[in-house]
Protein backbone atom coordinates (compact mmCIF):
# COMPACT_ATOMS: atom_id res chain seq x y z
CA MET A 1 90.71 118.05 95.74
CA ILE A 2 93.27 120.06 94.26
CA TYR A 3 92.18 122.73 92.14
CA VAL A 4 94.47 124.87 89.65
CA ASP A 5 92.93 127.53 87.49
CA ASP A 6 94.11 130.93 85.74
CA THR A 7 93.94 131.94 89.60
CA GLY A 8 95.30 129.99 91.53
CA VAL A 9 95.61 126.51 93.18
CA LYS A 10 92.76 124.95 95.65
CA VAL A 11 93.54 122.45 97.95
CA GLY A 12 90.57 120.36 99.76
CA GLY A 13 89.17 123.78 99.23
CA VAL A 14 91.62 125.83 100.62
CA VAL A 15 93.14 127.93 97.93
CA LEU A 16 97.11 127.70 98.58
CA PRO A 17 98.40 131.61 99.62
CA GLY A 18 100.79 133.15 97.57
CA LEU A 19 101.41 133.94 94.16
CA PHE A 20 100.79 130.72 91.73
CA LYS A 21 104.19 131.30 89.63
CA SER A 22 104.20 127.90 87.04
CA LEU A 23 102.91 124.48 86.92
CA GLU A 24 105.04 121.77 85.25
CA VAL A 25 103.87 118.04 84.32
CA LYS A 26 106.40 115.43 84.00
CA GLY A 27 106.16 112.11 82.82
CA GLU A 28 109.40 109.48 82.10
CA ALA A 29 109.49 105.99 81.00
CA THR A 30 111.76 103.44 82.68
CA VAL A 31 114.67 102.51 80.63
CA GLU A 32 117.34 99.80 81.90
CA GLU A 33 120.67 99.64 80.48
CA GLN A 34 122.01 96.19 79.66
CA GLU A 35 125.97 94.69 80.16
CA VAL A 36 127.39 93.25 77.23
CA GLN A 37 130.67 92.10 77.55
CA GLY A 38 132.62 92.97 74.76
CA LYS A 39 130.51 96.06 74.20
CA THR A 40 131.31 99.90 75.51
CA ALA A 41 127.83 101.33 74.76
CA LYS A 42 125.40 99.82 76.47
CA PRO A 43 122.44 98.52 75.16
CA LYS A 44 118.97 99.76 76.46
CA GLN A 45 115.63 97.94 77.03
CA ALA A 46 112.70 99.93 78.07
CA THR A 47 110.30 98.31 80.82
CA GLY A 48 107.29 100.73 81.50
CA TYR A 49 106.62 104.52 82.46
CA GLU A 50 107.60 106.00 85.72
CA ASP A 51 104.50 107.86 87.84
CA GLY A 52 103.60 111.30 86.30
CA LYS A 53 105.01 114.13 88.56
CA ILE A 54 103.54 117.83 89.08
CA THR A 55 105.31 120.59 90.14
CA LEU A 56 103.90 124.14 91.69
CA GLU A 57 106.09 127.01 92.17
CA LEU A 58 104.58 129.57 94.25
CA ILE A 59 105.69 133.19 95.78
CA LEU A 60 104.73 133.84 99.26
CA GLU A 61 105.33 137.44 100.13
CA ASP A 62 103.87 139.86 103.04
CA SER A 63 100.70 141.49 102.58
CA PRO A 64 98.44 144.06 104.86
CA ASN A 65 96.49 140.54 105.98
CA MET A 66 99.24 137.97 106.49
CA THR A 67 102.16 137.23 106.26
CA LYS A 68 104.77 135.08 104.20
CA LEU A 69 105.23 132.56 107.29
CA ARG A 70 101.80 132.50 107.82
CA ARG A 71 101.00 131.47 103.96
CA LEU A 72 103.81 128.79 104.83
CA GLU A 73 102.27 127.65 107.69
CA ILE A 74 98.99 127.07 105.65
CA ILE A 75 101.00 125.67 102.82
CA GLN A 76 103.09 123.14 105.72
CA LYS A 77 99.74 122.06 107.00
CA LEU A 78 98.40 121.08 103.64
CA PHE A 79 101.35 118.71 102.96
CA GLN A 80 101.46 117.29 106.58
CA LYS A 81 99.01 118.18 109.48
CA PRO A 82 100.22 117.70 113.11
CA GLY A 83 100.09 114.02 114.14
CA GLN A 84 99.66 112.81 110.59
CA THR A 85 101.76 110.14 109.59
CA LYS A 86 100.37 109.02 105.96
CA PRO A 87 100.35 111.38 103.06
CA GLU A 88 96.97 112.20 101.83
CA VAL A 89 95.43 111.13 98.61
CA HIS A 90 94.06 114.39 96.41
CA THR A 91 91.93 114.65 93.08
CA PHE A 92 93.94 116.77 90.98
CA VAL A 93 91.79 119.00 89.25
CA SER A 94 93.58 120.56 85.95
CA SER A 95 92.85 120.70 82.25
CA HIS A 96 96.31 120.41 81.89
CA SER A 97 97.07 117.35 84.20
CA SER A 98 93.80 115.94 82.56
CA VAL A 99 95.95 115.81 79.09
CA ARG A 100 98.83 114.40 80.85
CA GLY A 101 96.48 111.29 82.37
CA ILE A 102 96.77 112.53 86.02
CA ASN A 103 93.97 112.35 87.89
CA LYS A 104 94.70 111.35 91.87
CA VAL A 105 98.00 112.71 93.50
CA ILE A 106 99.63 113.53 96.87
CA PHE A 107 102.15 115.44 98.05
CA LYS A 108 105.56 114.11 97.37
CA SER A 109 107.36 116.91 98.79
CA LEU A 110 107.17 120.55 99.90
CA THR A 111 110.48 122.92 99.56
CA SER A 112 110.97 126.59 100.69
CA ARG A 113 113.58 128.96 100.04
CA GLU A 114 114.34 132.42 101.23
CA GLN A 115 117.38 134.50 99.59
CA ASN A 116 118.97 137.62 101.03
CA ASN A 117 118.37 140.05 98.13
CA THR A 118 114.30 139.62 98.47
CA SER A 119 112.02 139.89 100.80
CA SER A 120 109.52 136.53 99.42
CA ILE A 121 109.81 133.23 100.32
CA ALA A 122 109.79 130.68 96.92
CA VAL A 123 107.68 127.35 97.62
CA THR A 124 107.88 123.78 95.29
CA ILE A 125 105.46 121.50 95.82
CA GLU A 126 105.71 117.98 94.39
CA LEU A 127 103.29 115.83 93.91
CA TRP A 128 103.43 112.34 92.57
CA GLN A 129 100.30 110.74 90.33
CA TYR A 130 99.19 108.10 92.39
CA VAL A 131 97.69 104.87 91.17
CA ALA A 132 96.42 102.58 93.75
CA THR A 133 97.26 98.74 93.92
CA LYS A 134 95.52 95.89 94.97
CA ILE A 135 97.26 93.47 97.20
CA THR A 136 96.01 90.22 98.12
CA ALA A 137 97.05 88.82 101.66
CA THR A 138 97.91 85.22 101.65
CA LYS A 139 98.16 83.23 105.43
CA LYS A 140 101.65 82.46 106.09
CA GLY A 141 102.57 78.68 106.20
CA SER A 142 99.53 78.30 104.62
CA SER A 143 101.97 76.57 101.60
CA LYS A 144 103.06 74.46 103.81
CA SER A 145 100.45 73.41 105.48
CA SER A 146 98.62 72.12 102.46
CA SER A 147 101.92 70.32 101.21
CA LYS A 148 102.19 68.56 104.29
CA LYS A 149 98.70 67.28 104.15
CA THR A 150 99.03 66.35 100.51
CA THR A 151 102.04 64.33 101.71
CA ALA A 152 100.48 62.63 104.58
CA LYS A 153 97.31 61.80 102.84
CA SER A 154 100.02 60.29 99.45
CA ALA A 155 101.28 58.35 102.81
CA SER A 156 98.24 56.67 103.81
CA LYS A 157 96.77 55.56 100.48
CA PRO A 158 98.35 52.39 98.74
CA SER A 159 100.21 53.21 95.46
CA SER A 160 97.70 52.76 92.47
CA THR A 161 100.67 52.49 89.74
CA LEU A 162 100.93 48.69 90.73
CA SER A 163 101.14 46.39 87.64
CA ALA A 164 97.94 44.40 86.44
CA ASP A 165 99.58 41.46 87.29
CA TYR A 166 101.27 42.10 90.44
CA LYS A 167 97.73 42.97 91.34
CA SER A 168 96.37 39.53 90.35
CA TYR A 169 99.38 38.15 92.12
CA LEU A 170 98.32 39.45 95.06
CA THR A 171 94.60 38.83 94.88
CA SER A 172 95.06 34.95 93.92
CA ASP A 173 95.40 31.92 95.65
CA ARG A 174 98.64 31.19 96.06
CA GLY A 175 98.02 28.45 98.83
CA ALA A 176 99.28 27.47 101.93
CA ALA A 177 102.58 26.74 103.63
CA PRO A 178 103.63 23.52 103.64
CA LYS A 179 102.29 21.46 107.40
CA THR A 180 105.17 20.21 109.46
CA THR A 181 105.29 16.96 110.67
CA ASN A 182 104.46 16.40 114.43
CA LYS A 183 107.43 17.22 116.29
CA THR A 184 106.73 14.51 119.07
CA SER A 185 106.89 12.06 116.55
CA LYS A 186 109.87 9.07 116.84
CA THR A 187 112.46 9.71 114.36
CA ALA A 188 115.36 7.07 113.66
CA ALA A 189 117.94 9.04 115.53
CA VAL A 190 115.71 9.20 118.56
CA ASP A 191 114.67 5.15 118.21
CA ASN A 192 118.12 4.07 117.98
CA LYS A 193 119.29 5.87 121.05
CA ASN A 194 116.04 4.53 122.92
CA THR A 195 117.25 0.42 122.22
CA SER A 196 120.94 1.05 122.59
CA VAL A 197 121.68 -0.01 126.00
CA TYR A 198 125.41 -0.26 128.01
CA LYS A 199 126.46 -3.32 129.43
CA ASN A 200 129.60 -3.31 131.18
CA GLY A 201 131.14 -0.33 130.01
CA ILE A 202 130.69 -1.45 126.54
CA LEU A 203 127.85 0.41 124.16
CA ARG A 204 125.77 -2.08 122.28
CA MET A 205 123.82 -2.04 119.97
CA PRO A 206 120.80 -3.79 118.66
CA MET A 207 121.22 -6.24 115.73
């Protein structure tokens, strides 16, 4: 939790060391420019809103109880602990940010700068509004396998788009193939061949 009041800023129950200087809340609309042939001015189209941004400014100085570098070290560990790989989500408590609709944030950036003519360190903390998004995972290739199953089922089933006349033709008694004559019976050509004889080298046909 990040708590902001007139006395300072508190993150996760830890008060940020240093002099709290300012808090800035920024919101932006997303606008896309359209290319129109023949026109110099680009028409703009509003598409939505960016996530809100909060900027905190602190001044770190040495004191009898704590040095400015020790104060910076505390802030750094709140931004990223040793071994931390992902930013934590914090509840942001502030009447100012509440009016702007920002309640959950993450540490987006931490900037510290030191100037030659001063003994202090200026710290800028940028927080971004966090909006949880639910993502539904799907198995890879599930659409392809279901498509293959559908195709296989379609191929195994006969088409149901046959016309009524053709269905009637398929189910009707279309008769049998004509019977062939006995191949062993004698034909006229065979009979003539069997009765013809050769005599003295001359083929004699029966009368």
